[in-house]
Amino acid sequence: MTRQAEFGSGLVGRLSHGADLLEELTRLCSDNRISFGRVEAIGAVQRARVGFYTQSEREYEFTSIDRPLEILNLTGNVSLKDGVPMVHAHITLEDRDGRVYGGHLAPGTVVFACEYMLQRIGGAAYVRDFDEETGLALWQERGDSLG
């Protein structure tokens, strides 16, 4: 399932200190009508919550890390799920001793400082819907395309 995509304009900025990282990125997408796109960010968090999808159980296990961490990388995408923008992002974090943590970005990750880039994608259209094979909400093709 591959489609032609046109990477277009977007947003860059800084997230609010103390904001929930995932919720703030999702709000930006919703407020700016970004229904299909990509997201990147760097910075630091006060604490984090990340997930690991256990394939055999078909559910996420979440880990909370309650200390300051650097965001080495946050990368992800934006698509519609149930008609609203959903940010699906993975994050890599480092503590002061050089230990690295990573996983699926979950609510409960609190911003210390964060610079982001959101880029719209046109020409292709995917929405998230339940995938029986994996138990995940994965991209499904739409009949139309985004402009």
C-alpha atoms as a PDB file:
ATOM      1  CA  MET A   1       0.000   0.000   0.000  1.00  0.00           C
ATOM      2  CA  THR A   2       1.999   2.949  -1.349  1.00  0.00           C
ATOM      3  CA  ARG A   3       0.747   6.291  -2.579  1.00  0.00           C
ATOM      4  CA  GLN A   4       2.281   9.451  -3.987  1.00  0.00           C
ATOM      5  CA  ALA A   5       2.732  12.179  -1.354  1.00  0.00           C
ATOM      6  CA  GLU A   6       3.391  15.892  -1.560  1.00  0.00           C
ATOM      7  CA  PHE A   7       5.224  17.327   1.426  1.00  0.00           C
ATOM      8  CA  GLY A   8       3.931  20.832   1.971  1.00  0.00           C
ATOM      9  CA  SER A   9       3.904  23.725   4.368  1.00  0.00           C
ATOM     10  CA  GLY A  10       3.694  23.315   8.080  1.00  0.00           C
ATOM     11  CA  LEU A  11       4.383  24.771  11.465  1.00  0.00           C
ATOM     12  CA  VAL A  12       7.460  25.243  13.601  1.00  0.00           C
ATOM     13  CA  GLY A  13       7.535  26.438  17.154  1.00  0.00           C
ATOM     14  CA  ARG A  14       8.100  25.813  20.803  1.00  0.00           C
ATOM     15  CA  LEU A  15       5.779  23.943  23.125  1.00  0.00           C
ATOM     16  CA  SER A  16       4.744  25.350  26.505  1.00  0.00           C
ATOM     17  CA  HIS A  17       6.755  24.481  29.600  1.00  0.00           C
ATOM     18  CA  GLY A  18       4.713  22.024  31.668  1.00  0.00           C
ATOM     19  CA  ALA A  19       2.459  20.942  28.793  1.00  0.00           C
ATOM     20  CA  ASP A  20       1.747  17.310  28.028  1.00  0.00           C
ATOM     21  CA  LEU A  21       3.902  16.643  24.949  1.00  0.00           C
ATOM     22  CA  LEU A  22       1.490  14.353  23.082  1.00  0.00           C
ATOM     23  CA  GLU A  23      -1.620  16.355  23.964  1.00  0.00           C
ATOM     24  CA  GLU A  24      -0.001  19.645  22.888  1.00  0.00           C
ATOM     25  CA  LEU A  25       1.135  18.243  19.522  1.00  0.00           C
ATOM     26  CA  THR A  26      -2.336  16.802  18.947  1.00  0.00           C
ATOM     27  CA  ARG A  27      -3.976  20.134  19.836  1.00  0.00           C
ATOM     28  CA  LEU A  28      -1.704  21.964  17.365  1.00  0.00           C
ATOM     29  CA  CYS A  29      -2.747  19.560  14.606  1.00  0.00           C
ATOM     30  CA  SER A  30      -6.407  19.972  15.420  1.00  0.00           C
ATOM     31  CA  ASP A  31      -6.246  23.788  15.739  1.00  0.00           C
ATOM     32  CA  ASN A  32      -4.350  24.075  12.437  1.00  0.00           C
ATOM     33  CA  ARG A  33      -6.356  21.462  10.523  1.00  0.00           C
ATOM     34  CA  ILE A  34      -3.410  19.141   9.960  1.00  0.00           C
ATOM     35  CA  SER A  35      -5.096  15.817   9.250  1.00  0.00           C
ATOM     36  CA  PHE A  36      -2.183  14.100   7.521  1.00  0.00           C
ATOM     37  CA  GLY A  37       1.457  14.940   8.131  1.00  0.00           C
ATOM     38  CA  ARG A  38       4.678  14.274   9.931  1.00  0.00           C
ATOM     39  CA  VAL A  39       6.130  15.530  13.193  1.00  0.00           C
ATOM     40  CA  GLU A  40       9.627  15.934  14.620  1.00  0.00           C
ATOM     41  CA  ALA A  41      10.815  17.420  17.904  1.00  0.00           C
ATOM     42  CA  ILE A  42      13.842  17.870  20.143  1.00  0.00           C
ATOM     43  CA  GLY A  43      14.255  19.290  23.632  1.00  0.00           C
ATOM     44  CA  ALA A  44      13.819  18.004  27.151  1.00  0.00           C
ATOM     45  CA  VAL A  45      11.060  16.652  29.383  1.00  0.00           C
ATOM     46  CA  GLN A  46      10.486  16.803  33.119  1.00  0.00           C
ATOM     47  CA  ARG A  47       9.226  13.217  33.115  1.00  0.00           C
ATOM     48  CA  ALA A  48       8.139  10.714  30.497  1.00  0.00           C
ATOM     49  CA  ARG A  49       5.726   7.905  29.800  1.00  0.00           C
ATOM     50  CA  VAL A  50       6.485   5.511  26.939  1.00  0.00           C
ATOM     51  CA  GLY A  51       4.857   2.375  25.651  1.00  0.00           C
ATOM     52  CA  PHE A  52       5.903  -0.948  24.217  1.00  0.00           C
ATOM     53  CA  TYR A  53       3.389  -2.979  22.207  1.00  0.00           C
ATOM     54  CA  THR A  54       3.390  -6.587  23.361  1.00  0.00           C
ATOM     55  CA  GLN A  55       2.562  -8.440  20.170  1.00  0.00           C
ATOM     56  CA  SER A  56       1.483 -11.697  21.796  1.00  0.00           C
ATOM     57  CA  GLU A  57      -0.892  -9.912  24.206  1.00  0.00           C
ATOM     58  CA  ARG A  58      -1.936  -7.277  21.648  1.00  0.00           C
ATOM     59  CA  GLU A  59      -1.697  -4.471  24.171  1.00  0.00           C
ATOM     60  CA  TYR A  60       0.646  -1.697  25.236  1.00  0.00           C
ATOM     61  CA  GLU A  61       2.758  -1.874  28.373  1.00  0.00           C
ATOM     62  CA  PHE A  62       3.662   1.579  29.694  1.00  0.00           C
ATOM     63  CA  THR A  63       6.719   2.709  31.619  1.00  0.00           C
ATOM     64  CA  SER A  64       6.958   5.975  33.531  1.00  0.00           C
ATOM     65  CA  ILE A  65      10.321   7.654  33.985  1.00  0.00           C
ATOM     66  CA  ASP A  66       9.986  10.266  36.717  1.00  0.00           C
ATOM     67  CA  ARG A  67      13.092  12.405  36.185  1.00  0.00           C
ATOM     68  CA  PRO A  68      14.461  14.984  33.724  1.00  0.00           C
ATOM     69  CA  LEU A  69      15.422  13.604  30.307  1.00  0.00           C
ATOM     70  CA  GLU A  70      16.738  14.962  27.021  1.00  0.00           C
ATOM     71  CA  ILE A  71      14.723  14.288  23.870  1.00  0.00           C
ATOM     72  CA  LEU A  72      17.290  12.820  21.501  1.00  0.00           C
ATOM     73  CA  ASN A  73      14.652  12.301  18.840  1.00  0.00           C
ATOM     74  CA  LEU A  74      10.906  12.399  18.427  1.00  0.00           C
ATOM     75  CA  THR A  75       9.535  11.354  15.083  1.00  0.00           C
ATOM     76  CA  GLY A  76       6.068  10.427  14.001  1.00  0.00           C
ATOM     77  CA  ASN A  77       3.076  11.025  11.814  1.00  0.00           C
ATOM     78  CA  VAL A  78      -0.374  12.548  11.929  1.00  0.00           C
ATOM     79  CA  SER A  79      -3.484  10.967  10.467  1.00  0.00           C
ATOM     80  CA  LEU A  80      -7.188  10.827  11.201  1.00  0.00           C
ATOM     81  CA  LYS A  81      -8.613   8.310  13.644  1.00  0.00           C
ATOM     82  CA  ASP A  82     -12.350   8.437  14.233  1.00  0.00           C
ATOM     83  CA  GLY A  83     -12.412  11.727  12.307  1.00  0.00           C
ATOM     84  CA  VAL A  84      -9.907  13.622  14.488  1.00  0.00           C
ATOM     85  CA  PRO A  85      -6.127  14.107  14.148  1.00  0.00           C
ATOM     86  CA  MET A  86      -4.034  11.498  15.931  1.00  0.00           C
ATOM     87  CA  VAL A  87      -0.307  11.950  16.503  1.00  0.00           C
ATOM     88  CA  HIS A  88       1.548   8.634  16.464  1.00  0.00           C
ATOM     89  CA  ALA A  89       5.110   9.268  17.612  1.00  0.00           C
ATOM     90  CA  HIS A  90       8.081   7.390  18.958  1.00  0.00           C
ATOM     91  CA  ILE A  91      10.568   9.065  21.252  1.00  0.00           C
ATOM     92  CA  THR A  92      14.167   8.426  22.282  1.00  0.00           C
ATOM     93  CA  LEU A  93      15.280   9.919  25.607  1.00  0.00           C
ATOM     94  CA  GLU A  94      18.531  10.103  27.584  1.00  0.00           C
ATOM     95  CA  ASP A  95      19.129  10.637  31.295  1.00  0.00           C
ATOM     96  CA  ARG A  96      22.084  12.447  32.883  1.00  0.00           C
ATOM     97  CA  ASP A  97      24.049   9.171  33.156  1.00  0.00           C
ATOM     98  CA  GLY A  98      23.767   8.444  29.437  1.00  0.00           C
ATOM     99  CA  ARG A  99      21.087   5.744  29.760  1.00  0.00           C
ATOM    100  CA  VAL A 100      18.732   5.746  26.800  1.00  0.00           C
ATOM    101  CA  TYR A 101      15.010   5.001  26.875  1.00  0.00           C
ATOM    102  CA  GLY A 102      12.540   4.874  24.075  1.00  0.00           C
ATOM    103  CA  GLY A 103       9.177   3.795  22.870  1.00  0.00           C
ATOM    104  CA  HIS A 104       5.736   4.903  21.826  1.00  0.00           C
ATOM    105  CA  LEU A 105       5.063   8.455  23.111  1.00  0.00           C
ATOM    106  CA  ALA A 106       2.228   8.334  25.637  1.00  0.00           C
ATOM    107  CA  PRO A 107       0.246  10.941  27.558  1.00  0.00           C
ATOM    108  CA  GLY A 108       2.034  11.854  30.772  1.00  0.00           C
ATOM    109  CA  THR A 109       5.239  13.086  29.126  1.00  0.00           C
ATOM    110  CA  VAL A 110       5.692  16.616  30.493  1.00  0.00           C
ATOM    111  CA  VAL A 111       7.592  19.287  28.523  1.00  0.00           C
ATOM    112  CA  PHE A 112      10.554  21.135  29.999  1.00  0.00           C
ATOM    113  CA  ALA A 113      11.523  22.716  26.666  1.00  0.00           C
ATOM    114  CA  CYS A 114      10.585  21.464  23.212  1.00  0.00           C
ATOM    115  CA  GLU A 115      10.997  22.700  19.643  1.00  0.00           C
ATOM    116  CA  TYR A 116       8.821  21.025  17.036  1.00  0.00           C
ATOM    117  CA  MET A 117       8.189  20.834  13.298  1.00  0.00           C
ATOM    118  CA  LEU A 118       4.839  19.742  11.870  1.00  0.00           C
ATOM    119  CA  GLN A 119       4.606  19.268   8.123  1.00  0.00           C
ATOM    120  CA  ARG A 120       1.433  18.718   6.131  1.00  0.00           C
ATOM    121  CA  ILE A 121       1.305  15.941   3.565  1.00  0.00           C
ATOM    122  CA  GLY A 122      -0.994  16.209   0.570  1.00  0.00           C
ATOM    123  CA  GLY A 123      -1.697  13.944  -2.376  1.00  0.00           C
ATOM    124  CA  ALA A 124      -2.052  10.862  -0.203  1.00  0.00           C
ATOM    125  CA  ALA A 125      -4.719  10.076   2.311  1.00  0.00           C
ATOM    126  CA  TYR A 126      -4.670   7.451   5.026  1.00  0.00           C
ATOM    127  CA  VAL A 127      -6.863   7.103   8.071  1.00  0.00           C
ATOM    128  CA  ARG A 128      -6.331   4.903  11.122  1.00  0.00           C
ATOM    129  CA  ASP A 129      -8.607   1.945  11.573  1.00  0.00           C
ATOM    130  CA  PHE A 130      -8.446  -1.371  13.402  1.00  0.00           C
ATOM    131  CA  ASP A 131      -6.178  -3.942  11.766  1.00  0.00           C
ATOM    132  CA  GLU A 132      -7.287  -7.474  12.622  1.00  0.00           C
ATOM    133  CA  GLU A 133      -3.871  -9.037  11.964  1.00  0.00           C
ATOM    134  CA  THR A 134      -1.974  -6.866  14.483  1.00  0.00           C
ATOM    135  CA  GLY A 135      -4.662  -5.535  16.821  1.00  0.00           C
ATOM    136  CA  LEU A 136      -3.457  -1.987  16.131  1.00  0.00           C
ATOM    137  CA  ALA A 137      -5.089   1.073  14.587  1.00  0.00           C
ATOM    138  CA  LEU A 138      -3.030   1.213  11.364  1.00  0.00           C
ATOM    139  CA  TRP A 139      -3.190   3.253   8.178  1.00  0.00           C
ATOM    140  CA  GLN A 140      -5.937   2.264   5.782  1.00  0.00           C
ATOM    141  CA  GLU A 141      -6.320   3.773   2.326  1.00  0.00           C
ATOM    142  CA  ARG A 142      -9.008   6.332   1.665  1.00  0.00           C
ATOM    143  CA  GLY A 143     -10.588   6.667  -1.739  1.00  0.00           C
ATOM    144  CA  ASP A 144      -9.868  10.388  -1.965  1.00  0.00           C
ATOM    145  CA  SER A 145      -6.714  12.399  -1.556  1.00  0.00           C
ATOM    146  CA  LEU A 146      -5.858  15.417   0.525  1.00  0.00           C
ATOM    147  CA  GLY A 147      -5.087  18.755  -1.050  1.00  0.00           C
END
